[in-house]
Protein backbone atom coordinates (compact mmCIF):
# COMPACT_ATOMS: atom_id res chain seq x y z
CA UNK A 1 0.30 0.09 -0.08
CA UNK A 2 1.76 3.19 -1.21
CA UNK A 3 2.31 5.58 2.04
CA UNK A 4 1.74 9.56 1.85
CA UNK A 5 5.23 10.93 0.86
CA UNK A 6 5.79 12.80 4.44
CA UNK A 7 4.24 10.15 6.27
CA UNK A 8 6.96 7.41 7.85
CA UNK A 9 4.39 4.97 9.03
CA UNK A 10 0.74 3.62 8.43
CA UNK A 11 -2.05 5.31 10.07
CA UNK A 12 -2.94 2.10 12.55
CA UNK A 13 0.82 2.30 13.94
CA UNK A 14 0.53 6.33 14.69
CA UNK A 15 -2.74 5.98 16.37
CA UNK A 16 -1.24 3.00 18.25
CA UNK A 17 2.73 4.28 19.12
CA UNK A 18 4.21 7.80 19.06
CA UNK A 19 1.55 9.85 17.89
CA UNK A 20 0.50 11.41 21.32
CA UNK A 21 4.43 12.22 21.96
CA UNK A 22 4.26 14.88 19.02
CA UNK A 23 1.01 16.77 19.45
CA UNK A 24 2.35 19.46 22.47
CA UNK A 25 2.42 22.14 19.28
CA UNK A 26 -1.36 21.23 18.01
CA UNK A 27 -2.71 21.52 21.53
CA UNK A 28 -1.19 25.04 21.41
CA UNK A 29 -2.76 26.00 18.00
CA UNK A 30 -6.28 24.44 19.24
CA UNK A 31 -6.15 26.80 22.74
CA UNK A 32 -5.03 29.91 20.62
CA UNK A 33 -7.89 29.17 18.22
CA UNK A 34 -10.37 28.25 20.59
CA UNK A 35 -10.20 31.85 22.66
CA UNK A 36 -11.08 33.98 19.42
CA UNK A 37 -14.50 35.14 19.76
CA UNK A 38 -16.45 32.85 21.96
CA UNK A 39 -19.36 31.55 19.48
CA UNK A 40 -22.50 29.94 20.41
CA UNK A 41 -21.98 26.06 20.74
CA UNK A 42 -22.32 24.27 18.02
CA UNK A 43 -22.34 20.32 16.69
CA UNK A 44 -19.19 19.42 14.28
CA UNK A 45 -18.32 16.87 12.18
CA UNK A 46 -14.83 17.34 10.44
CA UNK A 47 -12.36 16.29 8.35
CA UNK A 48 -14.18 12.96 7.75
CA UNK A 49 -13.22 10.67 5.11
CA UNK A 50 -14.82 8.74 2.46
CA UNK A 51 -14.33 6.47 -0.18
CA UNK A 52 -15.47 7.19 -4.16
CA UNK A 53 -18.28 4.59 -3.33
CA UNK A 54 -19.06 5.88 -0.17
CA UNK A 55 -17.94 3.85 2.94
CA UNK A 56 -16.29 5.58 5.76
CA UNK A 57 -14.51 2.74 7.32
CA UNK A 58 -12.95 -0.45 5.32
CA UNK A 59 -14.70 -4.17 6.56
CA UNK A 60 -13.04 -6.14 9.25
CA UNK A 61 -12.52 -3.43 11.48
CA UNK A 62 -10.25 -4.91 14.33
CA UNK A 63 -6.85 -4.06 16.30
CA UNK A 64 -5.12 -4.71 13.00
CA UNK A 65 -7.16 -3.03 10.98
CA UNK A 66 -8.37 0.00 12.96
CA UNK A 67 -10.02 1.23 9.87
CA UNK A 68 -10.73 -1.81 8.24
CA UNK A 69 -9.22 -3.08 5.76
CA UNK A 70 -7.66 -0.60 3.12
CA UNK A 71 -9.07 2.18 5.52
CA UNK A 72 -5.89 3.85 5.65
CA UNK A 73 -6.11 4.77 2.02
CA UNK A 74 -9.12 6.99 2.62
CA UNK A 75 -6.39 9.32 4.35
CA UNK A 76 -3.58 9.85 2.20
CA UNK A 77 -4.97 13.57 1.33
CA UNK A 78 -4.57 14.08 5.61
CA UNK A 79 -1.53 12.90 6.65
CA UNK A 80 0.99 14.94 3.93
CA UNK A 81 -0.21 18.09 5.23
CA UNK A 82 2.00 20.60 7.10
CA UNK A 83 -0.48 20.40 10.40
CA UNK A 84 -0.52 17.00 10.38
CA UNK A 85 3.22 16.81 10.22
CA UNK A 86 3.64 19.43 12.93
CA UNK A 87 1.13 17.63 15.24
CA UNK A 88 2.28 14.00 14.90
CA UNK A 89 6.28 14.43 13.84
CA UNK A 90 7.04 17.81 14.86
CA UNK A 91 8.29 18.45 11.32
CA UNK A 92 7.90 21.68 9.67
CA UNK A 93 7.85 20.58 6.44
CA UNK A 94 4.26 19.39 4.91
CA UNK A 95 1.76 20.23 2.30
CA UNK A 96 -0.06 23.35 2.48
CA UNK A 97 -3.38 24.45 0.62
CA UNK A 98 -6.55 23.59 0.36
CA UNK A 99 -6.07 20.15 2.34
CA UNK A 100 -4.06 22.04 5.10
CA UNK A 101 -6.61 24.27 5.62
CA UNK A 102 -9.53 21.75 6.50
CA UNK A 103 -7.02 19.67 8.34
CA UNK A 104 -5.96 23.00 10.17
CA UNK A 105 -9.80 24.10 10.64
CA UNK A 106 -10.81 21.51 12.01
CA UNK A 107 -9.36 22.01 15.14
CA UNK A 108 -10.51 25.33 15.64
CA UNK A 109 -12.87 26.68 18.73
CA UNK A 110 -13.25 22.91 19.64
CA UNK A 111 -13.91 22.08 23.51
CA UNK A 112 -15.40 18.79 23.43
CA UNK A 113 -15.67 15.58 21.49
CA UNK A 114 -17.80 12.68 20.74
CA UNK A 115 -17.09 9.46 19.78
CA UNK A 116 -18.31 5.59 19.04
CA UNK A 117 -16.88 2.66 20.85
CA UNK A 118 -15.09 1.69 17.71
CA UNK A 119 -12.88 5.23 17.39
CA UNK A 120 -11.49 4.36 21.36
CA UNK A 121 -10.83 0.71 20.39
CA UNK A 122 -11.47 -2.89 19.24
CA UNK A 123 -13.28 -4.25 22.63
CA UNK A 124 -16.52 -5.33 21.97
CA UNK A 125 -19.25 -6.08 24.15
CA UNK A 126 -19.14 -6.01 28.08
CA UNK A 127 -15.76 -4.79 28.68
CA UNK A 128 -13.26 -8.32 29.39
CA UNK A 129 -11.09 -5.78 31.81
CA UNK A 130 -10.11 -1.83 32.11
CA UNK A 131 -7.00 -2.78 30.80
CA UNK A 132 -7.51 -0.59 27.42
CA UNK A 133 -7.24 2.73 26.90
CA UNK A 134 -7.59 3.76 23.76
CA UNK A 135 -5.60 3.92 20.35
CA UNK A 136 -3.35 6.91 20.96
CA UNK A 137 -1.45 5.82 24.08
CA UNK A 138 -0.83 7.72 27.25
CA UNK A 139 -1.40 10.99 25.42
CA UNK A 140 -4.68 10.83 23.14
CA UNK A 141 -4.59 13.79 20.58
CA UNK A 142 -8.03 15.29 21.83
CA UNK A 143 -7.07 17.40 25.16
CA UNK A 144 -10.44 17.93 25.95
CA UNK A 145 -13.55 15.68 27.40
CA UNK A 146 -14.05 12.84 24.97
CA UNK A 147 -17.66 10.88 25.46
CA UNK A 148 -17.48 7.69 24.06
CA UNK A 149 -20.60 5.87 23.50
CA UNK A 150 -21.12 2.88 24.73
CA UNK A 151 -23.83 -0.02 26.19
CA UNK A 152 -21.38 -0.59 28.72
CA UNK A 153 -20.51 1.50 32.09
CA UNK A 154 -16.92 1.91 32.68
CA UNK A 155 -16.05 4.52 34.71
CA UNK A 156 -14.13 7.64 33.28
CA UNK A 157 -10.44 7.49 32.31
CA UNK A 158 -7.94 10.78 32.41
CA UNK A 159 -4.85 10.72 30.62
CA UNK A 160 -2.39 12.99 30.56
CA UNK A 161 -2.19 15.98 27.87
CA UNK A 162 -5.91 17.10 29.17
CA UNK A 163 -8.07 14.35 27.39
CA UNK A 164 -10.76 12.39 30.07
CA UNK A 165 -12.66 9.64 28.42
CA UNK A 166 -16.41 8.94 29.52
CA UNK A 167 -17.91 6.60 29.08
CA UNK A 168 -22.23 7.47 28.20
CA UNK A 169 -24.15 4.62 28.09
CA UNK A 170 -27.50 6.89 27.88
CA UNK A 171 -27.24 7.70 24.13
CA UNK A 172 -26.61 10.09 21.74
CA UNK A 173 -28.47 13.05 23.29
CA UNK A 174 -27.29 12.78 26.68
CA UNK A 175 -23.82 12.60 25.28
CA UNK A 176 -24.10 15.46 23.22
CA UNK A 177 -25.81 17.76 26.23
CA UNK A 178 -22.61 16.19 28.72
CA UNK A 179 -20.38 17.97 25.66
CA UNK A 180 -21.92 20.59 25.12
CA UNK A 181 -21.78 21.37 29.17
CA UNK A 182 -17.86 20.22 28.99
CA UNK A 183 -17.55 22.74 26.43
CA UNK A 184 -17.91 25.72 28.07
CA UNK A 185 -19.53 27.34 25.34
CA UNK A 186 -17.26 25.78 22.65
CA UNK A 187 -17.70 23.88 19.41
CA UNK A 188 -18.41 19.96 20.26
CA UNK A 189 -16.99 18.11 17.13
CA UNK A 190 -18.29 14.08 16.84
CA UNK A 191 -15.21 12.26 15.59
CA UNK A 192 -16.77 9.56 13.95
CA UNK A 193 -17.70 6.78 13.00
CA UNK A 194 -19.71 6.78 10.70
CA UNK A 195 -22.38 4.75 13.00
CA UNK A 196 -22.71 7.57 15.56
CA UNK A 197 -22.39 10.09 12.73
CA UNK A 198 -25.58 9.00 11.54
CA UNK A 199 -27.23 8.77 14.46
CA UNK A 200 -26.60 12.17 15.07
CA UNK A 201 -27.87 13.32 11.39
CA UNK A 202 -30.66 11.77 11.40
CA UNK A 203 -31.96 13.39 14.62
CA UNK A 204 -30.84 16.46 12.51
CA UNK A 205 -28.31 17.42 15.60
CA UNK A 206 -25.07 18.58 13.81
CA UNK A 207 -24.65 21.57 12.48
CA UNK A 208 -21.89 21.36 10.09
CA UNK A 209 -20.31 18.55 8.42
CA UNK A 210 -17.04 18.26 6.51
CA UNK A 211 -16.60 15.83 4.42
CA UNK A 212 -13.54 14.77 2.18
CA UNK A 213 -13.90 12.09 -0.88
CA UNK A 214 -10.92 10.52 -1.76
CA UNK A 215 -10.04 9.27 -4.95
CA UNK A 216 -10.27 4.99 -3.69
CA UNK A 217 -12.41 2.30 -3.68
CA UNK A 218 -13.16 0.15 -0.51
CA UNK A 219 -15.54 -2.23 -2.00
CA UNK A 220 -17.13 -2.77 1.47
CA UNK A 221 -17.20 -1.60 5.13
CA UNK A 222 -19.44 0.77 6.78
CA UNK A 223 -21.27 3.41 4.55
CA UNK A 224 -21.14 6.84 5.78
CA UNK A 225 -25.19 7.92 4.71
CA UNK A 226 -26.35 4.58 4.44
CA UNK A 227 -30.10 5.20 4.95
CA UNK A 228 -30.08 8.97 5.59
CA UNK A 229 -31.81 11.66 3.31
CA UNK A 230 -29.50 14.30 4.32
CA UNK A 231 -31.89 16.80 2.00
CA UNK A 232 -34.69 16.26 3.43
CA UNK A 233 -32.99 16.56 6.93
CA UNK A 234 -32.50 20.25 5.98
CA UNK A 235 -29.08 19.68 5.18
CA UNK A 236 -27.43 21.53 1.86
CA UNK A 237 -24.18 21.88 0.35
CA UNK A 238 -22.55 25.13 1.39
CA UNK A 239 -18.62 24.96 0.56
CA UNK A 240 -17.04 22.78 -2.29
CA UNK A 241 -13.02 22.66 -3.51
CA UNK A 242 -10.44 19.82 -4.21
CA UNK A 243 -7.06 18.91 -4.69
CA UNK A 244 -5.60 16.28 -6.24
CA UNK A 245 -6.06 13.93 -3.48
CA UNK A 246 -9.38 14.62 -2.05
CA UNK A 247 -12.92 16.82 -2.90
CA UNK A 248 -14.07 18.75 0.16
CA UNK A 249 -17.39 19.52 0.60
CA UNK A 250 -19.55 20.89 3.68
CA UNK A 251 -22.78 20.51 4.39
CA UNK A 252 -24.78 22.83 6.73
CA UNK A 253 -27.93 21.87 8.60
CA UNK A 254 -30.05 25.35 6.87
CA UNK A 255 -31.25 27.93 9.15
CA UNK A 256 -28.21 27.84 11.06
CA UNK A 257 -25.95 30.41 9.69
CA UNK A 258 -23.56 31.09 13.09
CA UNK A 259 -20.49 29.64 11.10
């Protein structure tokens, strides 16, 4: 599998190993940008990538394939960017332009995150023990409270760098209420996966959704918009831009213009 030119390891390796050690720069960036112009809390999806055939994750997700088979190919637009190169590797190089602009803006004004359980780890069903503490090691890249949707209760986990994982068993609205409160006036970012985003879309709870469409085919996995009539739900495309590695589309819930 070809890797992005400036990436020295596949994303699955990054998720499990040294990514956290390079995020001090990014934490400062987020803090500075978050203090600019406090606004009403919005619910956003950022930099969520789908394949040409609509899949946001490949088949057979697991500990060896966090994004599913072939899923790493989705993010070849993202990892070479200057934003990610600085954050992950401490490098000054990296691509600029459209892809980097979208990568950077996804972290602006964010005060809390919501993730589906698969985004936290490969464990399914009841927790066999408390040993698994996320894909990212001791210092995850969030640096704010993260609310994990699950059917199985678990005590919160306080990590290095400001991240605390909270496990929510009361559904998407409870998670959103808690995330809004924790965000303190900043935005709530929904990180995925596809099923989690679909649940919030169906309820019209997402204000803005940035989708990057990668020029790859996965052939199977989990589709982002499966069974979702975004137009009927009040969403419309308000922005489009393209690079040689992705087409970027921004959908916004109509009537919500506080962007």
